Amino acid sequence: MNQRGHGGRGGENHWGSISVSSVSSVVNIYVGLLIMIGSEAATLAQIEPFWSWNTPIAWTGFILFADAIVYRARGNSWMRSAPREFAALAFVSIPLWAVFEGYNLIIDNWNYVGLPENAALRSFGYAWSFATIWPAIFEGAELIAVLRAGKAGGEITLPAPPAPPALFIVAGALMLACPFLASPAIARYLAAPIWLGFVFLLDPINARLGGASLLDDWRHGQSDRLINLILSGFLCGGLWEFWNYWSRAKWRYTVPIMEHIKIFEMPVPGYLGFPAFALECFTMYVFVRVVWLRFQPDPAAPNTGRRIAL
């Protein structure tokens, strides 16, 4: 067996590769910052293509930035340590967000303006924007985890789950069904059940299938994942609204609750939906990953893959 990696020239190559990776991560930090700042500055100046494409461009910069900081702090990250799963995450982010676009056809809480007239270009813009959503939430959660390193969290005493998992599943199913059962006038007020329903529905199922689960974390007194996801929801929500506000191609809210009291385009109560959405991102992706792994010819362990939000 070749042992060169343990010393001599092989060791030099090893340390050389670490040095290259370290420099590359620093470069990506600055590249990500430059993309975010440059795109927003060009948007404010109404310079194309940034004015019309600020959201996907800025989020691409954020993902590069956050991933590089995590790698510098830990020596591993989504893009560098699990590139295939990161690509899969970006890919499934598109249909997962399309689920919420489908719900919006019922609750009519937002619409898009200033989009490209060309259908192919418009579809590309949708796909690029939607593909950044789940990566942004997860990269944001790991960035929060790095910033919180050494702070309170980990194992703490938490109360027992207030209900059996089956009741959570039933509650989640009812939450997700209620917009379909209500009149159009009432359905417009039912965004909250949608932003919570998948957490209640899927998290107990994930635990039953052996995947990562917020309920399992709760049972073991673990709070870090929950805190990281909630804070990532607030972080990403603020950035979504900030980058959207001055863009030419943007979304506008028609939420019928405090619709005239806004921060950027979002009515103030709407910001409480972002932490819930971050939890949904976690439960939905874990469910997809666990189901995918179970149907492989050579099934892997349900928890195979990168740890999320830790």
Protein backbone atom coordinates (compact mmCIF):
# COMPACT_ATOMS: atom_id res chain seq x y z
CA MET A 1 0.00 0.00 0.00
CA ASN A 2 1.30 3.44 -0.87
CA GLN A 3 2.07 5.38 2.32
CA ARG A 4 3.52 8.49 0.74
CA GLY A 5 0.69 10.63 2.07
CA HIS A 6 2.04 10.20 5.61
CA GLY A 7 5.34 11.90 5.04
CA GLY A 8 8.06 12.91 2.64
CA ARG A 9 6.93 14.20 -0.71
CA GLY A 10 3.41 12.88 -0.27
CA GLY A 11 3.08 14.92 2.90
CA GLU A 12 4.28 18.01 1.04
CA ASN A 13 1.58 17.45 -1.56
CA HIS A 14 -0.97 17.08 1.20
CA TRP A 15 -0.04 20.35 2.85
CA GLY A 16 0.23 21.99 -0.54
CA SER A 17 -3.33 20.97 -1.35
CA ILE A 18 -4.51 22.34 2.01
CA SER A 19 -2.76 25.62 1.27
CA VAL A 20 -4.36 25.85 -2.16
CA SER A 21 -7.80 25.11 -0.68
CA SER A 22 -7.25 27.71 2.02
CA VAL A 23 -6.30 30.38 -0.50
CA SER A 24 -9.20 29.38 -2.74
CA SER A 25 -11.66 29.76 0.14
CA VAL A 26 -10.35 33.26 0.87
CA VAL A 27 -10.75 34.15 -2.80
CA ASN A 28 -14.34 32.87 -2.76
CA ILE A 29 -15.13 35.01 0.29
CA TYR A 30 -14.07 38.14 -1.58
CA VAL A 31 -15.65 37.01 -4.85
CA GLY A 32 -18.95 36.37 -3.06
CA LEU A 33 -18.80 39.78 -1.37
CA LEU A 34 -17.96 41.48 -4.66
CA ILE A 35 -20.89 39.80 -6.40
CA MET A 36 -23.35 40.81 -3.67
CA ILE A 37 -22.15 44.39 -3.34
CA GLY A 38 -21.56 44.91 -7.05
CA SER A 39 -24.94 43.54 -8.08
CA GLU A 40 -26.81 45.64 -5.52
CA ALA A 41 -24.88 48.78 -6.48
CA ALA A 42 -25.63 48.18 -10.16
CA THR A 43 -29.27 47.55 -9.30
CA LEU A 44 -29.52 50.87 -7.47
CA ALA A 45 -28.02 52.51 -10.56
CA GLN A 46 -30.51 50.56 -12.74
CA ILE A 47 -27.71 48.97 -14.76
CA GLU A 48 -28.66 45.84 -16.68
CA PRO A 49 -28.47 42.87 -16.44
CA PHE A 50 -28.12 43.39 -12.67
CA TRP A 51 -31.28 45.49 -12.33
CA SER A 52 -33.42 42.66 -13.71
CA TRP A 53 -31.38 39.74 -12.33
CA ASN A 54 -30.28 41.02 -8.93
CA THR A 55 -31.97 38.29 -6.88
CA PRO A 56 -30.31 35.20 -8.42
CA ILE A 57 -26.98 37.01 -8.90
CA ALA A 58 -26.83 38.27 -5.30
CA TRP A 59 -27.87 34.90 -3.89
CA THR A 60 -25.19 33.16 -5.91
CA GLY A 61 -22.69 35.54 -4.32
CA PHE A 62 -24.07 34.85 -0.85
CA ILE A 63 -23.82 31.09 -1.31
CA LEU A 64 -20.18 31.39 -2.42
CA PHE A 65 -19.45 33.75 0.48
CA ALA A 66 -21.11 31.64 3.20
CA ASP A 67 -19.70 28.36 1.91
CA ALA A 68 -16.17 29.76 1.88
CA ILE A 69 -16.44 31.09 5.44
CA VAL A 70 -17.73 27.73 6.66
CA TYR A 71 -14.88 25.95 4.89
CA ARG A 72 -12.30 28.31 6.41
CA ALA A 73 -13.72 27.67 9.88
CA ARG A 74 -14.27 23.92 9.64
CA GLY A 75 -12.26 22.53 6.77
CA ASN A 76 -15.46 21.25 5.15
CA SER A 77 -18.52 22.77 3.50
CA TRP A 78 -21.42 21.95 1.21
CA MET A 79 -19.76 22.95 -2.05
CA ARG A 80 -16.27 21.64 -1.28
CA SER A 81 -16.99 18.51 0.74
CA ALA A 82 -20.29 17.38 -0.78
CA PRO A 83 -20.42 18.89 -4.29
CA ARG A 84 -22.70 16.21 -5.72
CA GLU A 85 -25.22 16.59 -2.93
CA PHE A 86 -24.97 20.37 -3.20
CA ALA A 87 -25.85 20.11 -6.91
CA ALA A 88 -28.76 17.82 -6.01
CA LEU A 89 -29.88 20.30 -3.34
CA ALA A 90 -29.93 23.15 -5.87
CA PHE A 91 -31.80 20.97 -8.36
CA VAL A 92 -34.55 19.81 -5.95
CA SER A 93 -34.88 23.37 -4.66
CA ILE A 94 -36.71 24.21 -7.90
CA PRO A 95 -39.65 21.76 -7.61
CA LEU A 96 -39.77 22.16 -3.82
CA TRP A 97 -40.34 25.91 -4.16
CA ALA A 98 -42.81 25.23 -6.98
CA VAL A 99 -44.99 23.59 -4.32
CA PHE A 100 -45.38 27.01 -2.67
CA GLU A 101 -45.97 28.68 -6.01
CA GLY A 102 -48.83 26.22 -6.43
CA TYR A 103 -50.26 27.21 -3.06
CA ASN A 104 -49.98 30.85 -4.06
CA LEU A 105 -52.44 30.18 -6.88
CA ILE A 106 -54.94 29.58 -4.08
CA ILE A 107 -53.95 32.13 -1.40
CA ASP A 108 -52.87 34.86 -3.85
CA ASN A 109 -50.30 36.42 -1.49
CA TRP A 110 -47.66 37.53 -4.02
CA ASN A 111 -47.09 38.17 -7.71
CA TYR A 112 -44.19 38.99 -9.99
CA VAL A 113 -43.56 42.13 -12.03
CA GLY A 114 -40.87 43.30 -14.44
CA LEU A 115 -40.05 39.79 -15.69
CA PRO A 116 -38.45 39.19 -19.12
CA GLU A 117 -40.99 39.01 -21.94
CA ASN A 118 -39.14 36.13 -23.60
CA ALA A 119 -40.63 32.90 -22.19
CA ALA A 120 -37.36 30.94 -22.31
CA LEU A 121 -35.44 33.70 -20.57
CA ARG A 122 -38.20 34.06 -17.99
CA SER A 123 -38.15 30.31 -17.30
CA PHE A 124 -34.38 30.41 -16.89
CA GLY A 125 -34.74 33.25 -14.40
CA TYR A 126 -37.31 31.31 -12.40
CA ALA A 127 -35.11 28.20 -12.36
CA TRP A 128 -31.95 30.08 -11.32
CA SER A 129 -33.77 32.00 -8.58
CA PHE A 130 -35.58 28.95 -7.22
CA ALA A 131 -32.38 26.88 -7.30
CA THR A 132 -30.74 29.25 -4.81
CA ILE A 133 -33.46 29.01 -2.13
CA TRP A 134 -32.64 25.78 -0.29
CA PRO A 135 -28.85 26.23 -0.68
CA ALA A 136 -29.15 29.74 0.76
CA ILE A 137 -31.09 28.55 3.81
CA PHE A 138 -28.69 25.68 4.52
CA GLU A 139 -25.54 27.70 3.87
CA GLY A 140 -26.97 30.45 6.05
CA ALA A 141 -27.65 27.94 8.85
CA GLU A 142 -24.06 26.66 8.73
CA LEU A 143 -22.76 30.23 8.67
CA ILE A 144 -24.83 30.91 11.79
CA ALA A 145 -23.45 27.71 13.35
CA VAL A 146 -19.89 28.92 12.74
CA LEU A 147 -20.68 32.33 14.24
CA ARG A 148 -22.34 30.66 17.25
CA ALA A 149 -19.51 28.17 17.83
CA GLY A 150 -18.82 27.83 21.53
CA LYS A 151 -22.03 29.56 22.57
CA ALA A 152 -24.91 28.07 24.53
CA GLY A 153 -26.80 25.33 22.76
CA GLY A 154 -25.94 21.69 22.28
CA GLU A 155 -27.53 19.55 24.97
CA ILE A 156 -30.11 21.38 27.05
CA THR A 157 -33.18 20.34 28.99
CA LEU A 158 -36.24 20.62 26.79
CA PRO A 159 -39.81 19.67 27.68
CA ALA A 160 -41.13 16.43 26.27
CA PRO A 161 -42.85 16.69 22.86
CA PRO A 162 -46.43 17.77 23.61
CA ALA A 163 -48.15 15.16 21.45
CA PRO A 164 -47.54 11.77 19.82
CA PRO A 165 -45.98 11.97 16.34
CA ALA A 166 -49.21 10.76 14.72
CA LEU A 167 -51.02 13.84 15.97
CA PHE A 168 -48.33 16.08 14.45
CA ILE A 169 -48.79 14.33 11.12
CA VAL A 170 -52.57 14.78 11.23
CA ALA A 171 -52.20 18.43 12.25
CA GLY A 172 -49.75 19.04 9.38
CA ALA A 173 -52.06 17.41 6.85
CA LEU A 174 -54.98 19.54 8.04
CA MET A 175 -52.88 22.71 7.87
CA LEU A 176 -51.87 21.96 4.29
CA ALA A 177 -55.41 21.01 3.29
CA CYS A 178 -57.25 23.99 4.77
CA PRO A 179 -56.48 26.48 1.94
CA PHE A 180 -58.14 24.06 -0.48
CA LEU A 181 -61.22 23.81 1.74
CA ALA A 182 -61.72 27.52 2.42
CA SER A 183 -63.40 30.08 0.21
CA PRO A 184 -61.05 32.26 -1.91
CA ALA A 185 -61.67 35.23 0.39
CA ILE A 186 -60.69 33.23 3.50
CA ALA A 187 -57.82 31.36 1.79
CA ARG A 188 -55.91 34.63 1.40
CA TYR A 189 -55.47 34.66 5.20
CA LEU A 190 -54.14 31.08 5.40
CA ALA A 191 -50.45 31.54 4.64
CA ALA A 192 -49.41 30.58 8.20
CA PRO A 193 -50.69 26.98 7.99
CA ILE A 194 -48.78 26.54 4.73
CA TRP A 195 -45.53 27.84 6.25
CA LEU A 196 -45.89 25.42 9.19
CA GLY A 197 -47.72 22.45 7.72
CA PHE A 198 -44.80 20.61 6.18
CA VAL A 199 -42.86 20.76 9.46
CA PHE A 200 -45.68 19.01 11.32
CA LEU A 201 -46.41 16.58 8.50
CA LEU A 202 -42.93 15.49 7.45
CA ASP A 203 -40.67 15.76 10.49
CA PRO A 204 -42.24 12.81 12.37
CA ILE A 205 -42.14 10.79 9.14
CA ASN A 206 -38.45 11.62 8.72
CA ALA A 207 -37.80 10.42 12.28
CA ARG A 208 -39.73 7.20 11.63
CA LEU A 209 -37.71 6.56 8.47
CA GLY A 210 -34.42 7.12 10.30
CA GLY A 211 -33.61 10.53 8.84
CA ALA A 212 -32.55 13.72 10.59
CA SER A 213 -35.44 15.15 12.58
CA LEU A 214 -36.22 18.19 14.69
CA LEU A 215 -38.36 15.95 16.92
CA ASP A 216 -35.41 13.61 17.50
CA ASP A 217 -33.21 16.60 18.28
CA TRP A 218 -35.86 17.73 20.78
CA ARG A 219 -36.02 14.32 22.43
CA HIS A 220 -32.23 14.30 22.86
CA GLY A 221 -32.10 17.83 24.23
CA GLN A 222 -30.36 19.17 21.13
CA SER A 223 -31.23 22.75 20.18
CA ASP A 224 -28.44 23.81 17.81
CA ARG A 225 -30.10 22.80 14.55
CA LEU A 226 -33.36 24.50 15.51
CA ILE A 227 -31.60 27.73 16.50
CA ASN A 228 -29.39 27.75 13.40
CA LEU A 229 -32.34 27.25 11.06
CA ILE A 230 -34.49 29.89 12.76
CA LEU A 231 -31.70 32.47 12.63
CA SER A 232 -30.94 31.53 9.03
CA GLY A 233 -34.61 32.12 8.23
CA PHE A 234 -34.43 35.64 9.63
CA LEU A 235 -31.09 36.30 7.88
CA CYS A 236 -32.18 35.01 4.49
CA GLY A 237 -35.61 36.61 4.78
CA GLY A 238 -34.06 40.01 5.36
CA LEU A 239 -31.69 39.56 2.43
CA TRP A 240 -34.47 38.34 0.13
CA GLU A 241 -36.53 41.43 0.81
CA PHE A 242 -33.53 43.80 0.67
CA TRP A 243 -32.30 42.52 -2.69
CA ASN A 244 -35.80 42.33 -4.11
CA TYR A 245 -36.89 45.84 -3.17
CA TRP A 246 -34.94 47.86 -5.76
CA SER A 247 -34.91 45.20 -8.49
CA ARG A 248 -36.78 45.66 -11.74
CA ALA A 249 -37.83 42.00 -11.87
CA LYS A 250 -39.32 41.43 -8.44
CA TRP A 251 -42.19 40.07 -6.38
CA ARG A 252 -44.84 42.14 -4.67
CA TYR A 253 -47.04 41.03 -1.81
CA THR A 254 -50.81 41.17 -1.71
CA VAL A 255 -51.01 39.84 1.86
CA PRO A 256 -54.25 41.16 3.42
CA ILE A 257 -52.73 41.59 6.90
CA MET A 258 -51.09 44.93 7.80
CA GLU A 259 -50.46 45.41 4.10
CA HIS A 260 -49.60 49.11 4.52
CA ILE A 261 -47.02 48.57 7.29
CA LYS A 262 -44.04 47.17 5.46
CA ILE A 263 -40.29 46.72 5.64
CA PHE A 264 -39.28 46.75 1.98
CA GLU A 265 -42.08 44.91 0.13
CA MET A 266 -43.01 42.59 3.01
CA PRO A 267 -45.71 43.46 5.58
CA VAL A 268 -44.10 43.32 9.03
CA PRO A 269 -45.90 40.15 10.27
CA GLY A 270 -44.65 38.31 7.18
CA TYR A 271 -41.10 38.26 8.53
CA LEU A 272 -42.24 35.72 11.12
CA GLY A 273 -42.83 33.31 8.25
CA PHE A 274 -39.16 33.11 7.29
CA PRO A 275 -37.98 31.07 10.32
CA ALA A 276 -40.91 28.68 9.82
CA PHE A 277 -40.01 28.41 6.15
CA ALA A 278 -36.39 27.54 7.08
CA LEU A 279 -37.69 24.66 9.20
CA GLU A 280 -39.85 23.53 6.28
CA CYS A 281 -36.82 23.62 3.98
CA PHE A 282 -35.09 21.24 6.36
CA THR A 283 -37.98 18.80 6.76
CA MET A 284 -38.86 18.78 3.04
CA TYR A 285 -35.30 18.18 1.88
CA VAL A 286 -34.64 15.46 4.48
CA PHE A 287 -37.84 13.72 3.37
CA VAL A 288 -36.78 13.82 -0.29
CA ARG A 289 -33.29 12.56 0.61
CA VAL A 290 -34.54 9.71 2.80
CA VAL A 291 -37.08 8.54 0.21
CA TRP A 292 -34.48 8.75 -2.56
CA LEU A 293 -32.00 6.68 -0.56
CA ARG A 294 -34.59 4.03 0.27
CA PHE A 295 -35.37 3.41 -3.39
CA GLN A 296 -31.79 3.05 -4.56
CA PRO A 297 -30.68 -0.42 -5.80
CA ASP A 298 -28.23 -0.54 -2.89
CA PRO A 299 -30.03 1.50 -0.20
CA ALA A 300 -27.79 3.61 2.01
CA ALA A 301 -28.42 4.54 5.64
CA PRO A 302 -31.20 7.15 5.95
CA ASN A 303 -28.80 9.68 7.44
CA THR A 304 -26.29 9.31 4.62
CA GLY A 305 -25.32 12.73 3.29
CA ARG A 306 -24.15 16.00 4.71
CA ARG A 307 -25.31 17.02 8.14
CA ILE A 308 -27.71 19.93 7.79
CA ALA A 309 -27.68 23.16 9.81
CA LEU A 310 -25.08 21.94 12.31
